[in-house]
Full PDB file with SEQRES, HELIX, SHEET, SSBOND, CRYST1, ORIGX, SCALE, CONECT and MASTER records, all heavy atoms in Angstrom:
SEQRES   1 A   32  GLN THR ILE ALA HIS LYS LYS GLY LEU LEU GLY ILE HIS          
SEQRES   2 A   32  ILE HIS ASN ILE LYS ASP THR ASN ASN PRO SER PRO ILE          
SEQRES   3 A   32  LYS GLY GLN SER PRO ILE                                      
CRYST1    1.000    1.000    1.000  90.00  90.00  90.00 P 1           1          
ORIGX1      1.000000  0.000000  0.000000        0.00000                         
ORIGX2      0.000000  1.000000  0.000000        0.00000                         
ORIGX3      0.000000  0.000000  1.000000        0.00000                         
SCALE1      1.000000  0.000000  0.000000        0.00000                         
SCALE2      0.000000  1.000000  0.000000        0.00000                         
SCALE3      0.000000  0.000000  1.000000        0.00000                         
ATOM      1  N   GLN A   1      -8.182 -13.553  -0.716  1.00  0.00           N  
ATOM      2  CA  GLN A   1      -8.088 -14.491  -1.816  1.00  0.00           C  
ATOM      3  C   GLN A   1      -6.645 -14.883  -2.006  1.00  0.00           C  
ATOM      4  O   GLN A   1      -6.371 -16.065  -2.341  1.00  0.00           O  
ATOM      5  CB  GLN A   1      -8.658 -13.853  -3.130  1.00  0.00           C  
ATOM      6  CG  GLN A   1     -10.141 -13.662  -3.027  1.00  0.00           C  
ATOM      7  CD  GLN A   1     -10.815 -15.040  -2.816  1.00  0.00           C  
ATOM      8  OE1 GLN A   1     -11.174 -15.467  -1.760  1.00  0.00           O  
ATOM      9  NE2 GLN A   1     -11.080 -15.744  -3.986  1.00  0.00           N  
ATOM     10  N   THR A   2      -5.711 -13.966  -1.889  1.00  0.00           N  
ATOM     11  CA  THR A   2      -4.300 -14.197  -2.083  1.00  0.00           C  
ATOM     12  C   THR A   2      -3.878 -15.322  -1.064  1.00  0.00           C  
ATOM     13  O   THR A   2      -3.206 -16.355  -1.502  1.00  0.00           O  
ATOM     14  CB  THR A   2      -3.380 -13.043  -1.939  1.00  0.00           C  
ATOM     15  OG1 THR A   2      -3.908 -12.004  -2.960  1.00  0.00           O  
ATOM     16  CG2 THR A   2      -2.025 -13.323  -2.093  1.00  0.00           C  
ATOM     17  N   ILE A   3      -4.193 -15.171   0.137  1.00  0.00           N  
ATOM     18  CA  ILE A   3      -3.850 -16.055   1.205  1.00  0.00           C  
ATOM     19  C   ILE A   3      -4.532 -17.483   0.950  1.00  0.00           C  
ATOM     20  O   ILE A   3      -3.862 -18.500   1.099  1.00  0.00           O  
ATOM     21  CB  ILE A   3      -4.056 -15.489   2.575  1.00  0.00           C  
ATOM     22  CG1 ILE A   3      -3.224 -14.248   2.895  1.00  0.00           C  
ATOM     23  CG2 ILE A   3      -3.937 -16.550   3.713  1.00  0.00           C  
ATOM     24  CD1 ILE A   3      -3.642 -13.456   4.036  1.00  0.00           C  
ATOM     25  N   ALA A   4      -5.719 -17.485   0.709  1.00  0.00           N  
ATOM     26  CA  ALA A   4      -6.559 -18.705   0.411  1.00  0.00           C  
ATOM     27  C   ALA A   4      -5.993 -19.506  -0.722  1.00  0.00           C  
ATOM     28  O   ALA A   4      -5.947 -20.736  -0.603  1.00  0.00           O  
ATOM     29  CB  ALA A   4      -8.040 -18.417   0.152  1.00  0.00           C  
ATOM     30  N   HIS A   5      -5.361 -18.860  -1.694  1.00  0.00           N  
ATOM     31  CA  HIS A   5      -4.845 -19.566  -2.861  1.00  0.00           C  
ATOM     32  C   HIS A   5      -3.281 -19.716  -2.711  1.00  0.00           C  
ATOM     33  O   HIS A   5      -2.653 -20.155  -3.660  1.00  0.00           O  
ATOM     34  CB  HIS A   5      -5.200 -18.796  -4.164  1.00  0.00           C  
ATOM     35  CG  HIS A   5      -6.648 -18.941  -4.500  1.00  0.00           C  
ATOM     36  ND1 HIS A   5      -7.545 -17.993  -4.151  1.00  0.00           N  
ATOM     37  CD2 HIS A   5      -7.288 -19.874  -5.091  1.00  0.00           C  
ATOM     38  CE1 HIS A   5      -8.747 -18.327  -4.529  1.00  0.00           C  
ATOM     39  NE2 HIS A   5      -8.615 -19.445  -5.060  1.00  0.00           N  
ATOM     40  N   LYS A   6      -2.766 -19.436  -1.491  1.00  0.00           N  
ATOM     41  CA  LYS A   6      -1.349 -19.639  -1.192  1.00  0.00           C  
ATOM     42  C   LYS A   6      -0.404 -18.927  -2.261  1.00  0.00           C  
ATOM     43  O   LYS A   6       0.583 -19.545  -2.639  1.00  0.00           O  
ATOM     44  CB  LYS A   6      -0.997 -21.212  -1.104  1.00  0.00           C  
ATOM     45  CG  LYS A   6      -1.823 -21.872  -0.050  1.00  0.00           C  
ATOM     46  CD  LYS A   6      -1.486 -23.327  -0.003  1.00  0.00           C  
ATOM     47  CE  LYS A   6      -2.125 -24.070   1.141  1.00  0.00           C  
ATOM     48  NZ  LYS A   6      -3.242 -23.634   1.883  1.00  0.00           N  
ATOM     49  N   LYS A   7      -0.776 -17.683  -2.551  1.00  0.00           N  
ATOM     50  CA  LYS A   7       0.068 -16.906  -3.381  1.00  0.00           C  
ATOM     51  C   LYS A   7       1.058 -15.994  -2.598  1.00  0.00           C  
ATOM     52  O   LYS A   7       0.734 -15.715  -1.328  1.00  0.00           O  
ATOM     53  CB  LYS A   7      -0.751 -16.024  -4.376  1.00  0.00           C  
ATOM     54  CG  LYS A   7      -1.591 -16.850  -5.244  1.00  0.00           C  
ATOM     55  CD  LYS A   7      -2.486 -15.953  -6.085  1.00  0.00           C  
ATOM     56  CE  LYS A   7      -3.477 -16.755  -6.954  1.00  0.00           C  
ATOM     57  NZ  LYS A   7      -3.915 -16.177  -8.165  1.00  0.00           N  
ATOM     58  N   GLY A   8       1.996 -15.517  -3.090  1.00  0.00           N  
ATOM     59  CA  GLY A   8       2.913 -14.568  -2.430  1.00  0.00           C  
ATOM     60  C   GLY A   8       2.130 -13.245  -2.144  1.00  0.00           C  
ATOM     61  O   GLY A   8       1.292 -12.855  -2.935  1.00  0.00           O  
ATOM     62  N   LEU A   9       2.498 -12.614  -1.025  1.00  0.00           N  
ATOM     63  CA  LEU A   9       1.778 -11.317  -0.660  1.00  0.00           C  
ATOM     64  C   LEU A   9       2.901 -10.393  -0.073  1.00  0.00           C  
ATOM     65  O   LEU A   9       3.662 -10.842   0.821  1.00  0.00           O  
ATOM     66  CB  LEU A   9       0.732 -11.669   0.378  1.00  0.00           C  
ATOM     67  CG  LEU A   9      -0.023 -10.428   0.961  1.00  0.00           C  
ATOM     68  CD1 LEU A   9      -0.801  -9.733  -0.130  1.00  0.00           C  
ATOM     69  CD2 LEU A   9      -0.952 -10.889   2.110  1.00  0.00           C  
ATOM     70  N   LEU A  10       2.852  -9.110  -0.487  1.00  0.00           N  
ATOM     71  CA  LEU A  10       3.606  -8.169   0.159  1.00  0.00           C  
ATOM     72  C   LEU A  10       2.930  -6.846   0.041  1.00  0.00           C  
ATOM     73  O   LEU A  10       2.129  -6.580  -0.767  1.00  0.00           O  
ATOM     74  CB  LEU A  10       5.066  -8.154  -0.590  1.00  0.00           C  
ATOM     75  CG  LEU A  10       5.112  -7.512  -1.950  1.00  0.00           C  
ATOM     76  CD1 LEU A  10       6.085  -6.307  -1.960  1.00  0.00           C  
ATOM     77  CD2 LEU A  10       5.569  -8.666  -2.818  1.00  0.00           C  
ATOM     78  N   GLY A  11       3.309  -5.945   0.863  1.00  0.00           N  
ATOM     79  CA  GLY A  11       2.847  -4.516   0.794  1.00  0.00           C  
ATOM     80  C   GLY A  11       3.942  -3.533   0.633  1.00  0.00           C  
ATOM     81  O   GLY A  11       5.093  -3.788   1.159  1.00  0.00           O  
ATOM     82  N   ILE A  12       3.612  -2.501   0.018  1.00  0.00           N  
ATOM     83  CA  ILE A  12       4.519  -1.364  -0.189  1.00  0.00           C  
ATOM     84  C   ILE A  12       3.810   0.014   0.148  1.00  0.00           C  
ATOM     85  O   ILE A  12       2.816   0.232  -0.437  1.00  0.00           O  
ATOM     86  CB  ILE A  12       5.105  -1.287  -1.588  1.00  0.00           C  
ATOM     87  CG1 ILE A  12       5.735  -2.617  -1.983  1.00  0.00           C  
ATOM     88  CG2 ILE A  12       5.999  -0.120  -1.750  1.00  0.00           C  
ATOM     89  CD1 ILE A  12       6.179  -2.685  -3.447  1.00  0.00           C  
ATOM     90  N   HIS A  13       4.319   0.697   1.202  1.00  0.00           N  
ATOM     91  CA  HIS A  13       3.766   2.027   1.404  1.00  0.00           C  
ATOM     92  C   HIS A  13       4.117   2.962   0.251  1.00  0.00           C  
ATOM     93  O   HIS A  13       5.279   3.025  -0.111  1.00  0.00           O  
ATOM     94  CB  HIS A  13       4.296   2.504   2.687  1.00  0.00           C  
ATOM     95  CG  HIS A  13       3.701   1.861   3.944  1.00  0.00           C  
ATOM     96  ND1 HIS A  13       2.446   2.131   4.393  1.00  0.00           N  
ATOM     97  CD2 HIS A  13       4.088   0.835   4.781  1.00  0.00           C  
ATOM     98  CE1 HIS A  13       2.174   1.452   5.467  1.00  0.00           C  
ATOM     99  NE2 HIS A  13       3.164   0.634   5.618  1.00  0.00           N  
ATOM    100  N   ILE A  14       3.173   3.689  -0.229  1.00  0.00           N  
ATOM    101  CA  ILE A  14       3.402   4.606  -1.393  1.00  0.00           C  
ATOM    102  C   ILE A  14       3.133   6.076  -0.960  1.00  0.00           C  
ATOM    103  O   ILE A  14       3.053   6.913  -1.871  1.00  0.00           O  
ATOM    104  CB  ILE A  14       2.657   4.190  -2.622  1.00  0.00           C  
ATOM    105  CG1 ILE A  14       1.078   4.219  -2.262  1.00  0.00           C  
ATOM    106  CG2 ILE A  14       3.019   2.776  -3.058  1.00  0.00           C  
ATOM    107  CD1 ILE A  14       0.169   4.010  -3.493  1.00  0.00           C  
ATOM    108  N   HIS A  15       3.032   6.316   0.273  1.00  0.00           N  
ATOM    109  CA  HIS A  15       2.784   7.744   0.700  1.00  0.00           C  
ATOM    110  C   HIS A  15       3.825   8.695   0.315  1.00  0.00           C  
ATOM    111  O   HIS A  15       3.554   9.932   0.154  1.00  0.00           O  
ATOM    112  CB  HIS A  15       2.491   7.799   2.194  1.00  0.00           C  
ATOM    113  CG  HIS A  15       3.610   7.539   3.048  1.00  0.00           C  
ATOM    114  ND1 HIS A  15       4.049   6.157   3.217  1.00  0.00           N  
ATOM    115  CD2 HIS A  15       4.520   8.272   3.770  1.00  0.00           C  
ATOM    116  CE1 HIS A  15       5.113   6.133   3.983  1.00  0.00           C  
ATOM    117  NE2 HIS A  15       5.399   7.345   4.346  1.00  0.00           N  
ATOM    118  N   ASN A  16       5.160   8.303   0.117  1.00  0.00           N  
ATOM    119  CA  ASN A  16       6.170   9.197  -0.228  1.00  0.00           C  
ATOM    120  C   ASN A  16       6.363   9.409  -1.755  1.00  0.00           C  
ATOM    121  O   ASN A  16       7.181  10.061  -2.250  1.00  0.00           O  
ATOM    122  CB  ASN A  16       7.480   8.675   0.318  1.00  0.00           C  
ATOM    123  CG  ASN A  16       7.572   9.099   1.849  1.00  0.00           C  
ATOM    124  OD1 ASN A  16       7.082  10.098   2.221  1.00  0.00           O  
ATOM    125  ND2 ASN A  16       8.159   8.207   2.628  1.00  0.00           N  
ATOM    126  N   ILE A  17       5.482   8.763  -2.574  1.00  0.00           N  
ATOM    127  CA  ILE A  17       5.478   8.947  -3.976  1.00  0.00           C  
ATOM    128  C   ILE A  17       4.715  10.211  -4.325  1.00  0.00           C  
ATOM    129  O   ILE A  17       3.655  10.439  -3.708  1.00  0.00           O  
ATOM    130  CB  ILE A  17       4.773   7.702  -4.721  1.00  0.00           C  
ATOM    131  CG1 ILE A  17       5.507   6.362  -4.409  1.00  0.00           C  
ATOM    132  CG2 ILE A  17       4.695   7.934  -6.245  1.00  0.00           C  
ATOM    133  CD1 ILE A  17       6.859   6.283  -5.026  1.00  0.00           C  
ATOM    134  N   LYS A  18       5.219  11.012  -5.211  1.00  0.00           N  
ATOM    135  CA  LYS A  18       4.499  12.240  -5.500  1.00  0.00           C  
ATOM    136  C   LYS A  18       3.156  12.063  -6.102  1.00  0.00           C  
ATOM    137  O   LYS A  18       2.851  11.004  -6.822  1.00  0.00           O  
ATOM    138  CB  LYS A  18       5.424  13.058  -6.535  1.00  0.00           C  
ATOM    139  CG  LYS A  18       6.648  13.565  -5.969  1.00  0.00           C  
ATOM    140  CD  LYS A  18       7.430  14.374  -6.921  1.00  0.00           C  
ATOM    141  CE  LYS A  18       8.767  14.852  -6.258  1.00  0.00           C  
ATOM    142  NZ  LYS A  18       9.617  15.474  -7.315  1.00  0.00           N  
ATOM    143  N   ASP A  19       2.306  12.986  -5.739  1.00  0.00           N  
ATOM    144  CA  ASP A  19       0.821  12.863  -6.164  1.00  0.00           C  
ATOM    145  C   ASP A  19       0.204  14.278  -6.294  1.00  0.00           C  
ATOM    146  O   ASP A  19       0.181  15.053  -5.369  1.00  0.00           O  
ATOM    147  CB  ASP A  19       0.094  12.025  -5.127  1.00  0.00           C  
ATOM    148  CG  ASP A  19      -1.416  11.850  -5.439  1.00  0.00           C  
ATOM    149  OD1 ASP A  19      -1.935  12.470  -6.374  1.00  0.00           O  
ATOM    150  OD2 ASP A  19      -2.062  11.001  -4.804  1.00  0.00           O  
ATOM    151  N   THR A  20      -0.108  14.537  -7.535  1.00  0.00           N  
ATOM    152  CA  THR A  20      -0.652  15.904  -7.768  1.00  0.00           C  
ATOM    153  C   THR A  20      -2.075  16.104  -7.136  1.00  0.00           C  
ATOM    154  O   THR A  20      -2.530  17.172  -6.760  1.00  0.00           O  
ATOM    155  CB  THR A  20      -0.772  16.244  -9.236  1.00  0.00           C  
ATOM    156  OG1 THR A  20      -1.610  15.304  -9.904  1.00  0.00           O  
ATOM    157  CG2 THR A  20       0.533  16.207  -9.922  1.00  0.00           C  
ATOM    158  N   ASN A  21      -2.836  15.049  -6.918  1.00  0.00           N  
ATOM    159  CA  ASN A  21      -4.109  15.092  -6.404  1.00  0.00           C  
ATOM    160  C   ASN A  21      -4.050  15.264  -4.850  1.00  0.00           C  
ATOM    161  O   ASN A  21      -4.956  15.765  -4.234  1.00  0.00           O  
ATOM    162  CB  ASN A  21      -4.918  13.808  -6.639  1.00  0.00           C  
ATOM    163  CG  ASN A  21      -5.269  13.683  -8.110  1.00  0.00           C  
ATOM    164  OD1 ASN A  21      -5.342  14.644  -8.865  1.00  0.00           O  
ATOM    165  ND2 ASN A  21      -5.251  12.433  -8.746  1.00  0.00           N  
ATOM    166  N   ASN A  22      -3.038  14.740  -4.220  1.00  0.00           N  
ATOM    167  CA  ASN A  22      -2.933  14.744  -2.720  1.00  0.00           C  
ATOM    168  C   ASN A  22      -1.424  14.892  -2.342  1.00  0.00           C  
ATOM    169  O   ASN A  22      -0.824  13.981  -2.057  1.00  0.00           O  
ATOM    170  CB  ASN A  22      -3.461  13.504  -2.037  1.00  0.00           C  
ATOM    171  CG  ASN A  22      -3.505  13.505  -0.647  1.00  0.00           C  
ATOM    172  OD1 ASN A  22      -3.249  14.557  -0.076  1.00  0.00           O  
ATOM    173  ND2 ASN A  22      -3.855  12.457  -0.050  1.00  0.00           N  
ATOM    174  N   PRO A  23      -0.886  16.174  -2.399  1.00  0.00           N  
ATOM    175  CA  PRO A  23       0.496  16.381  -2.249  1.00  0.00           C  
ATOM    176  C   PRO A  23       0.982  16.143  -0.868  1.00  0.00           C  
ATOM    177  O   PRO A  23       2.126  16.092  -0.544  1.00  0.00           O  
ATOM    178  CB  PRO A  23       0.707  17.864  -2.748  1.00  0.00           C  
ATOM    179  CG  PRO A  23      -0.642  18.490  -2.529  1.00  0.00           C  
ATOM    180  CD  PRO A  23      -1.699  17.354  -2.776  1.00  0.00           C  
ATOM    181  N   SER A  24       0.065  16.166   0.133  1.00  0.00           N  
ATOM    182  CA  SER A  24       0.559  15.926   1.528  1.00  0.00           C  
ATOM    183  C   SER A  24       0.559  14.440   1.788  1.00  0.00           C  
ATOM    184  O   SER A  24      -0.492  13.828   1.991  1.00  0.00           O  
ATOM    185  CB  SER A  24      -0.349  16.566   2.493  1.00  0.00           C  
ATOM    186  OG  SER A  24      -0.446  17.908   2.263  1.00  0.00           O  
ATOM    187  N   PRO A  25       1.798  13.740   1.962  1.00  0.00           N  
ATOM    188  CA  PRO A  25       1.799  12.337   2.166  1.00  0.00           C  
ATOM    189  C   PRO A  25       1.361  12.003   3.611  1.00  0.00           C  
ATOM    190  O   PRO A  25       1.821  12.633   4.574  1.00  0.00           O  
ATOM    191  CB  PRO A  25       3.297  12.052   1.932  1.00  0.00           C  
ATOM    192  CG  PRO A  25       3.960  13.286   2.202  1.00  0.00           C  
ATOM    193  CD  PRO A  25       3.054  14.483   1.920  1.00  0.00           C  
ATOM    194  N   ILE A  26       0.378  11.137   3.712  1.00  0.00           N  
ATOM    195  CA  ILE A  26       0.025  10.612   4.943  1.00  0.00           C  
ATOM    196  C   ILE A  26       0.074   9.095   4.896  1.00  0.00           C  
ATOM    197  O   ILE A  26      -0.357   8.438   4.040  1.00  0.00           O  
ATOM    198  CB  ILE A  26      -1.491  10.968   5.307  1.00  0.00           C  
ATOM    199  CG1 ILE A  26      -1.651  12.383   5.356  1.00  0.00           C  
ATOM    200  CG2 ILE A  26      -1.956  10.239   6.586  1.00  0.00           C  
ATOM    201  CD1 ILE A  26      -3.016  12.873   5.501  1.00  0.00           C  
ATOM    202  N   LYS A  27       1.023   8.424   5.803  1.00  0.00           N  
ATOM    203  CA  LYS A  27       1.267   7.065   5.742  1.00  0.00           C  
ATOM    204  C   LYS A  27       0.029   6.354   6.329  1.00  0.00           C  
ATOM    205  O   LYS A  27      -0.474   6.703   7.376  1.00  0.00           O  
ATOM    206  CB  LYS A  27       2.436   6.737   6.674  1.00  0.00           C  
ATOM    207  CG  LYS A  27       2.780   5.280   6.664  1.00  0.00           C  
ATOM    208  CD  LYS A  27       4.060   5.035   7.437  1.00  0.00           C  
ATOM    209  CE  LYS A  27       4.310   3.573   7.552  1.00  0.00           C  
ATOM    210  NZ  LYS A  27       5.555   3.374   8.368  1.00  0.00           N  
ATOM    211  N   GLY A  28      -0.448   5.375   5.584  1.00  0.00           N  
ATOM    212  CA  GLY A  28      -1.641   4.618   5.927  1.00  0.00           C  
ATOM    213  C   GLY A  28      -1.305   3.506   6.736  1.00  0.00           C  
ATOM    214  O   GLY A  28      -0.126   2.885   6.677  1.00  0.00           O  
ATOM    215  N   GLN A  29      -2.333   3.002   7.368  1.00  0.00           N  
ATOM    216  CA  GLN A  29      -2.184   1.684   8.178  1.00  0.00           C  
ATOM    217  C   GLN A  29      -2.087   0.487   7.221  1.00  0.00           C  
ATOM    218  O   GLN A  29      -2.845   0.438   6.128  1.00  0.00           O  
ATOM    219  CB  GLN A  29      -3.371   1.553   9.049  1.00  0.00           C  
ATOM    220  CG  GLN A  29      -3.470   0.258   9.905  1.00  0.00           C  
ATOM    221  CD  GLN A  29      -4.617   0.231  10.771  1.00  0.00           C  
ATOM    222  OE1 GLN A  29      -5.261   1.177  11.033  1.00  0.00           O  
ATOM    223  NE2 GLN A  29      -5.007  -0.984  11.044  1.00  0.00           N  
ATOM    224  N   SER A  30      -1.175  -0.398   7.449  1.00  0.00           N  
ATOM    225  CA  SER A  30      -1.106  -1.532   6.644  1.00  0.00           C  
ATOM    226  C   SER A  30      -2.241  -2.598   6.755  1.00  0.00           C  
ATOM    227  O   SER A  30      -2.503  -2.974   7.872  1.00  0.00           O  
ATOM    228  CB  SER A  30       0.283  -2.358   6.820  1.00  0.00           C  
ATOM    229  OG  SER A  30       0.288  -3.479   6.049  1.00  0.00           O  
ATOM    230  N   PRO A  31      -2.873  -3.006   5.689  1.00  0.00           N  
ATOM    231  CA  PRO A  31      -3.832  -4.102   5.784  1.00  0.00           C  
ATOM    232  C   PRO A  31      -3.374  -5.523   5.740  1.00  0.00           C  
ATOM    233  O   PRO A  31      -4.071  -6.532   5.881  1.00  0.00           O  
ATOM    234  CB  PRO A  31      -4.762  -3.846   4.576  1.00  0.00           C  
ATOM    235  CG  PRO A  31      -3.783  -3.306   3.533  1.00  0.00           C  
ATOM    236  CD  PRO A  31      -2.840  -2.536   4.325  1.00  0.00           C  
ATOM    237  N   ILE A  32      -1.943  -5.563   5.564  1.00  0.00           N  
ATOM    238  CA  ILE A  32      -1.347  -6.864   5.429  1.00  0.00           C  
ATOM    239  C   ILE A  32      -1.180  -7.634   6.799  1.00  0.00           C  
ATOM    240  O   ILE A  32      -0.782  -6.982   7.701  1.00  0.00           O  
ATOM    241  CB  ILE A  32       0.082  -6.694   4.847  1.00  0.00           C  
ATOM    242  CG1 ILE A  32       0.012  -5.953   3.579  1.00  0.00           C  
ATOM    243  CG2 ILE A  32       0.774  -8.094   4.690  1.00  0.00           C  
ATOM    244  CD1 ILE A  32      -0.553  -6.627   2.400  1.00  0.00           C  
TER     245      ILE A  32                                                      
MASTER        0    0    0    0    0    0    0    6  244    1    0    3          
END                                                                             
């Protein structure tokens, strides 16, 4: 929808942000 409406798009990996639910950071594949 973002691309179809010609809006800006960016991705930010957040695996290195602390998380009490999932303390082991695993870098995910980018969908961008």
